[in-house]
Amino acid sequence: MAEITVYVELARRNARVMIENVRLQKILHEVLVLGILVVGILAARSTLADHYYVPSGSMEYTLLAGDRVFVDKRAFGLRFPFTHFELMAGDAVQRGDIVIFNSPRDGVRLIKRIVAIGGDEVVIQDGHLAINGVWLTSPLDSEVEFIGDKRVQLNLADGGGPTYSQSLADGMVLAIGDHRGNSADGRIFGPISEHEIYGRAVAVYYRRGHGFDWLRL
């Protein structure tokens, strides 16, 4: 009788161990699946698309502080996740594009407008832009410029910011804010390589006071 009791107790212990092992395997499987999902999401944000929160008014009036912007990271080339290694070429960076990049001065991620590309002679005076000797200001409104195929409403309420003049080397671009007197941009830290651009801002999908929307940029 005593031996039967011992066998029963051993069987119960073995059953409990098996149950715990099954539970542990399920937990490990769920953790693995969750980990793969998280890595996949991060990889997609690194390579395909992401969003950007506009922290200031440096891009007024195109972008307002608090805007949330959809960013296409495939626009200028498909990159291997978490790197700058380009897997596939994309569109060329164009004047007028609004882009995301890290400031070469302090590493802070910025959103600015490309106003000049490699080979351009650029002059900025009193907040107004000239490319290759041609001033881009509208003849009808001194606070409107035509940059590439974009009609840009400037904010000059705080003046035009620093004067700037430079010839851009091939592969370099100049990115500045539409709020010319309130933007720490390429006029301060200079041109950036087009390979440092993470993506093109496509649309504002959320704006304070308006809620969710889709305002093309």
C-alpha atoms as a PDB file:
ATOM      1  CA  MET A   1       0.000   0.000   0.000  1.00  0.00           C
ATOM      2  CA  ALA A   2       2.863   2.304   0.900  1.00  0.00           C
ATOM      3  CA  GLU A   3       4.511   1.623  -2.485  1.00  0.00           C
ATOM      4  CA  ILE A   4       1.283   2.496  -4.321  1.00  0.00           C
ATOM      5  CA  THR A   5       1.088   5.782  -2.409  1.00  0.00           C
ATOM      6  CA  VAL A   6       4.686   6.595  -3.393  1.00  0.00           C
ATOM      7  CA  TYR A   7       3.969   5.815  -7.063  1.00  0.00           C
ATOM      8  CA  VAL A   8       0.832   7.986  -7.003  1.00  0.00           C
ATOM      9  CA  GLU A   9       2.751  10.872  -5.482  1.00  0.00           C
ATOM     10  CA  LEU A  10       5.533  10.531  -8.093  1.00  0.00           C
ATOM     11  CA  ALA A  11       2.936  10.462 -10.847  1.00  0.00           C
ATOM     12  CA  ARG A  12       1.357  13.641  -9.475  1.00  0.00           C
ATOM     13  CA  ARG A  13       4.735  15.373  -9.330  1.00  0.00           C
ATOM     14  CA  ASN A  14       5.571  14.320 -12.875  1.00  0.00           C
ATOM     15  CA  ALA A  15       2.176  15.548 -14.045  1.00  0.00           C
ATOM     16  CA  ARG A  16       2.755  18.912 -12.372  1.00  0.00           C
ATOM     17  CA  VAL A  17       6.209  19.199 -13.963  1.00  0.00           C
ATOM     18  CA  MET A  18       4.769  18.377 -17.393  1.00  0.00           C
ATOM     19  CA  ILE A  19       2.016  20.976 -16.937  1.00  0.00           C
ATOM     20  CA  GLU A  20       4.587  23.603 -15.889  1.00  0.00           C
ATOM     21  CA  ASN A  21       6.745  22.733 -18.891  1.00  0.00           C
ATOM     22  CA  VAL A  22       3.774  23.117 -21.230  1.00  0.00           C
ATOM     23  CA  ARG A  23       2.919  26.493 -19.652  1.00  0.00           C
ATOM     24  CA  LEU A  24       6.540  27.625 -19.976  1.00  0.00           C
ATOM     25  CA  GLN A  25       6.632  26.577 -23.636  1.00  0.00           C
ATOM     26  CA  LYS A  26       3.439  28.537 -24.306  1.00  0.00           C
ATOM     27  CA  ILE A  27       4.855  31.618 -22.577  1.00  0.00           C
ATOM     28  CA  LEU A  28       8.121  31.369 -24.506  1.00  0.00           C
ATOM     29  CA  HIS A  29       6.195  30.961 -27.762  1.00  0.00           C
ATOM     30  CA  GLU A  30       4.077  34.026 -27.018  1.00  0.00           C
ATOM     31  CA  VAL A  31       7.172  36.051 -26.084  1.00  0.00           C
ATOM     32  CA  LEU A  32       8.874  34.961 -29.314  1.00  0.00           C
ATOM     33  CA  VAL A  33       5.850  35.887 -31.426  1.00  0.00           C
ATOM     34  CA  LEU A  34       5.563  39.256 -29.654  1.00  0.00           C
ATOM     35  CA  GLY A  35       9.284  39.896 -30.152  1.00  0.00           C
ATOM     36  CA  ILE A  36       9.058  39.120 -33.864  1.00  0.00           C
ATOM     37  CA  LEU A  37       6.030  41.437 -34.143  1.00  0.00           C
ATOM     38  CA  VAL A  38       7.826  44.283 -32.357  1.00  0.00           C
ATOM     39  CA  VAL A  39      10.945  43.890 -34.509  1.00  0.00           C
ATOM     40  CA  GLY A  40       8.763  43.786 -37.622  1.00  0.00           C
ATOM     41  CA  ILE A  41       6.970  46.992 -36.626  1.00  0.00           C
ATOM     42  CA  LEU A  42      10.257  48.758 -35.839  1.00  0.00           C
ATOM     43  CA  ALA A  43      11.772  47.543 -39.115  1.00  0.00           C
ATOM     44  CA  ALA A  44       8.749  48.831 -41.034  1.00  0.00           C
ATOM     45  CA  ARG A  45       9.019  52.206 -39.289  1.00  0.00           C
ATOM     46  CA  SER A  46      12.730  52.306 -40.071  1.00  0.00           C
ATOM     47  CA  THR A  47      12.336  51.353 -43.728  1.00  0.00           C
ATOM     48  CA  LEU A  48       8.811  51.938 -45.053  1.00  0.00           C
ATOM     49  CA  ALA A  49       6.810  54.575 -43.223  1.00  0.00           C
ATOM     50  CA  ASP A  50       6.665  56.470 -39.955  1.00  0.00           C
ATOM     51  CA  HIS A  51       5.082  59.509 -38.389  1.00  0.00           C
ATOM     52  CA  TYR A  52       6.571  62.734 -37.063  1.00  0.00           C
ATOM     53  CA  TYR A  53       5.303  65.050 -34.325  1.00  0.00           C
ATOM     54  CA  VAL A  54       5.949  68.714 -35.168  1.00  0.00           C
ATOM     55  CA  PRO A  55       7.351  70.274 -31.972  1.00  0.00           C
ATOM     56  CA  SER A  56       7.544  73.937 -32.999  1.00  0.00           C
ATOM     57  CA  GLY A  57       6.352  76.594 -35.416  1.00  0.00           C
ATOM     58  CA  SER A  58       9.525  76.655 -37.530  1.00  0.00           C
ATOM     59  CA  MET A  59       7.575  75.439 -40.590  1.00  0.00           C
ATOM     60  CA  GLU A  60       4.619  77.820 -40.300  1.00  0.00           C
ATOM     61  CA  TYR A  61       2.358  78.248 -42.084  1.00  0.00           C
ATOM     62  CA  THR A  62       2.654  74.911 -43.838  1.00  0.00           C
ATOM     63  CA  LEU A  63       3.011  72.986 -40.578  1.00  0.00           C
ATOM     64  CA  LEU A  64       1.827  74.045 -37.137  1.00  0.00           C
ATOM     65  CA  ALA A  65       3.166  73.050 -33.734  1.00  0.00           C
ATOM     66  CA  GLY A  66       1.432  69.857 -32.651  1.00  0.00           C
ATOM     67  CA  ASP A  67       0.790  68.560 -36.170  1.00  0.00           C
ATOM     68  CA  ARG A  68       1.309  64.856 -36.749  1.00  0.00           C
ATOM     69  CA  VAL A  69       2.780  64.078 -40.141  1.00  0.00           C
ATOM     70  CA  PHE A  70       2.876  60.868 -42.177  1.00  0.00           C
ATOM     71  CA  VAL A  71       6.390  60.200 -43.521  1.00  0.00           C
ATOM     72  CA  ASP A  72       7.184  58.021 -46.550  1.00  0.00           C
ATOM     73  CA  LYS A  73      10.608  56.497 -45.893  1.00  0.00           C
ATOM     74  CA  ARG A  74      10.668  54.745 -49.277  1.00  0.00           C
ATOM     75  CA  ALA A  75      10.499  58.021 -51.186  1.00  0.00           C
ATOM     76  CA  PHE A  76      14.224  58.528 -51.679  1.00  0.00           C
ATOM     77  CA  GLY A  77      15.251  54.876 -51.638  1.00  0.00           C
ATOM     78  CA  LEU A  78      14.556  51.629 -49.792  1.00  0.00           C
ATOM     79  CA  ARG A  79      17.077  51.040 -47.006  1.00  0.00           C
ATOM     80  CA  PHE A  80      18.046  48.001 -44.984  1.00  0.00           C
ATOM     81  CA  PRO A  81      16.288  48.336 -41.591  1.00  0.00           C
ATOM     82  CA  PHE A  82      18.114  50.402 -38.948  1.00  0.00           C
ATOM     83  CA  THR A  83      20.916  51.377 -41.359  1.00  0.00           C
ATOM     84  CA  HIS A  84      21.697  53.846 -44.149  1.00  0.00           C
ATOM     85  CA  PHE A  85      22.485  50.976 -46.546  1.00  0.00           C
ATOM     86  CA  GLU A  86      20.393  51.511 -49.675  1.00  0.00           C
ATOM     87  CA  LEU A  87      18.729  48.443 -51.165  1.00  0.00           C
ATOM     88  CA  MET A  88      16.892  50.236 -53.956  1.00  0.00           C
ATOM     89  CA  ALA A  89      17.125  53.735 -55.405  1.00  0.00           C
ATOM     90  CA  GLY A  90      14.161  56.075 -55.029  1.00  0.00           C
ATOM     91  CA  ASP A  91      13.154  59.506 -56.245  1.00  0.00           C
ATOM     92  CA  ALA A  92      15.669  62.317 -56.471  1.00  0.00           C
ATOM     93  CA  VAL A  93      15.305  64.977 -53.790  1.00  0.00           C
ATOM     94  CA  GLN A  94      13.492  67.967 -55.271  1.00  0.00           C
ATOM     95  CA  ARG A  95      13.229  71.625 -54.361  1.00  0.00           C
ATOM     96  CA  GLY A  96      10.054  72.092 -52.355  1.00  0.00           C
ATOM     97  CA  ASP A  97      10.115  68.648 -50.701  1.00  0.00           C
ATOM     98  CA  ILE A  98       9.494  68.619 -46.949  1.00  0.00           C
ATOM     99  CA  VAL A  99      11.869  66.099 -45.413  1.00  0.00           C
ATOM    100  CA  ILE A 100      12.967  64.493 -42.148  1.00  0.00           C
ATOM    101  CA  PHE A 101      16.639  64.367 -41.118  1.00  0.00           C
ATOM    102  CA  ASN A 102      18.874  64.645 -38.074  1.00  0.00           C
ATOM    103  CA  SER A 103      20.474  68.008 -37.362  1.00  0.00           C
ATOM    104  CA  PRO A 104      24.242  67.786 -37.957  1.00  0.00           C
ATOM    105  CA  ARG A 105      24.656  70.232 -35.090  1.00  0.00           C
ATOM    106  CA  ASP A 106      23.045  68.265 -32.229  1.00  0.00           C
ATOM    107  CA  GLY A 107      21.424  65.144 -33.706  1.00  0.00           C
ATOM    108  CA  VAL A 108      17.853  66.338 -33.093  1.00  0.00           C
ATOM    109  CA  ARG A 109      15.429  65.077 -35.721  1.00  0.00           C
ATOM    110  CA  LEU A 110      14.103  67.965 -37.809  1.00  0.00           C
ATOM    111  CA  ILE A 111      11.452  68.601 -40.430  1.00  0.00           C
ATOM    112  CA  LYS A 112      12.336  71.282 -43.002  1.00  0.00           C
ATOM    113  CA  ARG A 113      11.834  72.190 -46.644  1.00  0.00           C
ATOM    114  CA  ILE A 114      14.442  71.544 -49.318  1.00  0.00           C
ATOM    115  CA  VAL A 115      15.045  74.862 -51.081  1.00  0.00           C
ATOM    116  CA  ALA A 116      18.227  74.092 -53.021  1.00  0.00           C
ATOM    117  CA  ILE A 117      19.938  70.985 -54.418  1.00  0.00           C
ATOM    118  CA  GLY A 118      23.406  70.103 -55.676  1.00  0.00           C
ATOM    119  CA  GLY A 119      24.732  72.551 -58.266  1.00  0.00           C
ATOM    120  CA  ASP A 120      22.465  75.415 -57.149  1.00  0.00           C
ATOM    121  CA  GLU A 121      23.686  78.901 -56.307  1.00  0.00           C
ATOM    122  CA  VAL A 122      21.498  79.984 -53.413  1.00  0.00           C
ATOM    123  CA  VAL A 123      21.002  83.386 -51.807  1.00  0.00           C
ATOM    124  CA  ILE A 124      18.671  84.119 -48.878  1.00  0.00           C
ATOM    125  CA  GLN A 125      18.197  87.741 -47.899  1.00  0.00           C
ATOM    126  CA  ASP A 126      15.521  89.168 -45.582  1.00  0.00           C
ATOM    127  CA  GLY A 127      13.898  85.732 -45.653  1.00  0.00           C
ATOM    128  CA  HIS A 128      13.556  85.694 -49.435  1.00  0.00           C
ATOM    129  CA  LEU A 129      15.119  83.036 -51.610  1.00  0.00           C
ATOM    130  CA  ALA A 130      16.969  83.240 -54.924  1.00  0.00           C
ATOM    131  CA  ILE A 131      18.127  80.152 -56.828  1.00  0.00           C
ATOM    132  CA  ASN A 132      20.668  80.551 -59.631  1.00  0.00           C
ATOM    133  CA  GLY A 133      20.027  84.274 -59.737  1.00  0.00           C
ATOM    134  CA  VAL A 134      16.217  84.039 -59.872  1.00  0.00           C
ATOM    135  CA  TRP A 135      14.164  85.333 -56.932  1.00  0.00           C
ATOM    136  CA  LEU A 136      11.297  82.968 -56.099  1.00  0.00           C
ATOM    137  CA  THR A 137       8.998  85.517 -54.431  1.00  0.00           C
ATOM    138  CA  SER A 138       5.548  85.893 -55.932  1.00  0.00           C
ATOM    139  CA  PRO A 139       5.073  89.257 -57.681  1.00  0.00           C
ATOM    140  CA  LEU A 140       1.621  89.440 -56.080  1.00  0.00           C
ATOM    141  CA  ASP A 141       2.524  88.585 -52.460  1.00  0.00           C
ATOM    142  CA  SER A 142       5.930  89.148 -50.836  1.00  0.00           C
ATOM    143  CA  GLU A 143       5.250  86.356 -48.325  1.00  0.00           C
ATOM    144  CA  VAL A 144       4.647  83.699 -50.972  1.00  0.00           C
ATOM    145  CA  GLU A 145       7.381  81.808 -52.817  1.00  0.00           C
ATOM    146  CA  PHE A 146       7.227  79.232 -55.586  1.00  0.00           C
ATOM    147  CA  ILE A 147       9.771  76.550 -54.695  1.00  0.00           C
ATOM    148  CA  GLY A 148       9.856  73.726 -57.220  1.00  0.00           C
ATOM    149  CA  ASP A 149       6.206  72.893 -57.847  1.00  0.00           C
ATOM    150  CA  LYS A 150       5.116  74.134 -54.406  1.00  0.00           C
ATOM    151  CA  ARG A 151       3.388  77.384 -53.542  1.00  0.00           C
ATOM    152  CA  VAL A 152       4.789  78.215 -50.102  1.00  0.00           C
ATOM    153  CA  GLN A 153       3.161  80.641 -47.677  1.00  0.00           C
ATOM    154  CA  LEU A 154       5.982  82.051 -45.564  1.00  0.00           C
ATOM    155  CA  ASN A 155       5.835  83.370 -42.011  1.00  0.00           C
ATOM    156  CA  LEU A 156       7.954  86.532 -41.833  1.00  0.00           C
ATOM    157  CA  ALA A 157       6.430  87.858 -38.621  1.00  0.00           C
ATOM    158  CA  ASP A 158       9.790  87.481 -36.854  1.00  0.00           C
ATOM    159  CA  GLY A 159      11.832  88.833 -39.733  1.00  0.00           C
ATOM    160  CA  GLY A 160      13.714  86.875 -42.347  1.00  0.00           C
ATOM    161  CA  GLY A 161      16.442  85.273 -40.273  1.00  0.00           C
ATOM    162  CA  PRO A 162      20.130  85.139 -41.207  1.00  0.00           C
ATOM    163  CA  THR A 163      21.450  86.079 -44.614  1.00  0.00           C
ATOM    164  CA  TYR A 164      22.912  83.145 -46.507  1.00  0.00           C
ATOM    165  CA  SER A 165      24.832  82.638 -49.740  1.00  0.00           C
ATOM    166  CA  GLN A 166      26.479  79.466 -51.038  1.00  0.00           C
ATOM    167  CA  SER A 167      27.051  77.209 -54.017  1.00  0.00           C
ATOM    168  CA  LEU A 168      25.967  73.644 -53.231  1.00  0.00           C
ATOM    169  CA  ALA A 169      28.151  70.690 -54.156  1.00  0.00           C
ATOM    170  CA  ASP A 170      26.658  67.681 -55.929  1.00  0.00           C
ATOM    171  CA  GLY A 171      24.748  65.425 -53.555  1.00  0.00           C
ATOM    172  CA  MET A 172      24.164  68.200 -51.035  1.00  0.00           C
ATOM    173  CA  VAL A 173      20.877  69.969 -50.273  1.00  0.00           C
ATOM    174  CA  LEU A 174      19.828  73.017 -48.269  1.00  0.00           C
ATOM    175  CA  ALA A 175      16.889  72.565 -45.873  1.00  0.00           C
ATOM    176  CA  ILE A 176      15.280  75.528 -44.117  1.00  0.00           C
ATOM    177  CA  GLY A 177      12.014  76.405 -42.380  1.00  0.00           C
ATOM    178  CA  ASP A 178       9.100  78.316 -43.872  1.00  0.00           C
ATOM    179  CA  HIS A 179       9.049  80.466 -40.711  1.00  0.00           C
ATOM    180  CA  ARG A 180      12.210  82.184 -41.825  1.00  0.00           C
ATOM    181  CA  GLY A 181      12.803  84.262 -38.675  1.00  0.00           C
ATOM    182  CA  ASN A 182      12.195  81.381 -36.253  1.00  0.00           C
ATOM    183  CA  SER A 183      13.975  78.336 -37.635  1.00  0.00           C
ATOM    184  CA  ALA A 184      17.341  76.779 -36.744  1.00  0.00           C
ATOM    185  CA  ASP A 185      18.170  75.261 -40.099  1.00  0.00           C
ATOM    186  CA  GLY A 186      20.655  74.963 -42.944  1.00  0.00           C
ATOM    187  CA  ARG A 187      21.441  78.654 -42.801  1.00  0.00           C
ATOM    188  CA  ILE A 188      23.098  77.860 -39.456  1.00  0.00           C
ATOM    189  CA  PHE A 189      24.495  74.342 -39.844  1.00  0.00           C
ATOM    190  CA  GLY A 190      24.921  74.351 -43.615  1.00  0.00           C
ATOM    191  CA  PRO A 191      23.893  71.921 -46.358  1.00  0.00           C
ATOM    192  CA  ILE A 192      23.354  68.228 -45.628  1.00  0.00           C
ATOM    193  CA  SER A 193      23.967  65.160 -47.754  1.00  0.00           C
ATOM    194  CA  GLU A 194      20.829  63.910 -49.495  1.00  0.00           C
ATOM    195  CA  HIS A 195      21.718  60.453 -48.111  1.00  0.00           C
ATOM    196  CA  GLU A 196      21.066  61.776 -44.584  1.00  0.00           C
ATOM    197  CA  ILE A 197      17.389  62.325 -45.359  1.00  0.00           C
ATOM    198  CA  TYR A 198      15.110  59.719 -43.759  1.00  0.00           C
ATOM    199  CA  GLY A 199      11.977  60.363 -45.760  1.00  0.00           C
ATOM    200  CA  ARG A 200       9.507  62.748 -47.349  1.00  0.00           C
ATOM    201  CA  ALA A 201       6.648  64.257 -45.366  1.00  0.00           C
ATOM    202  CA  VAL A 202       3.490  63.348 -47.273  1.00  0.00           C
ATOM    203  CA  ALA A 203       0.549  64.754 -45.320  1.00  0.00           C
ATOM    204  CA  VAL A 204      -0.653  66.097 -41.994  1.00  0.00           C
ATOM    205  CA  TYR A 205      -2.957  63.416 -40.586  1.00  0.00           C
ATOM    206  CA  TYR A 206      -3.783  65.165 -37.305  1.00  0.00           C
ATOM    207  CA  ARG A 207      -4.011  68.856 -36.399  1.00  0.00           C
ATOM    208  CA  ARG A 208      -5.073  70.408 -33.113  1.00  0.00           C
ATOM    209  CA  GLY A 209      -8.536  71.856 -33.315  1.00  0.00           C
ATOM    210  CA  HIS A 210      -9.319  69.900 -36.481  1.00  0.00           C
ATOM    211  CA  GLY A 211      -8.732  66.322 -35.392  1.00  0.00           C
ATOM    212  CA  PHE A 212      -7.822  63.613 -37.856  1.00  0.00           C
ATOM    213  CA  ASP A 213      -7.515  64.755 -41.444  1.00  0.00           C
ATOM    214  CA  TRP A 214      -5.341  64.264 -44.523  1.00  0.00           C
ATOM    215  CA  LEU A 215      -3.732  67.543 -45.584  1.00  0.00           C
ATOM    216  CA  ARG A 216      -1.354  66.872 -48.469  1.00  0.00           C
ATOM    217  CA  LEU A 217       1.998  68.614 -48.328  1.00  0.00           C
END
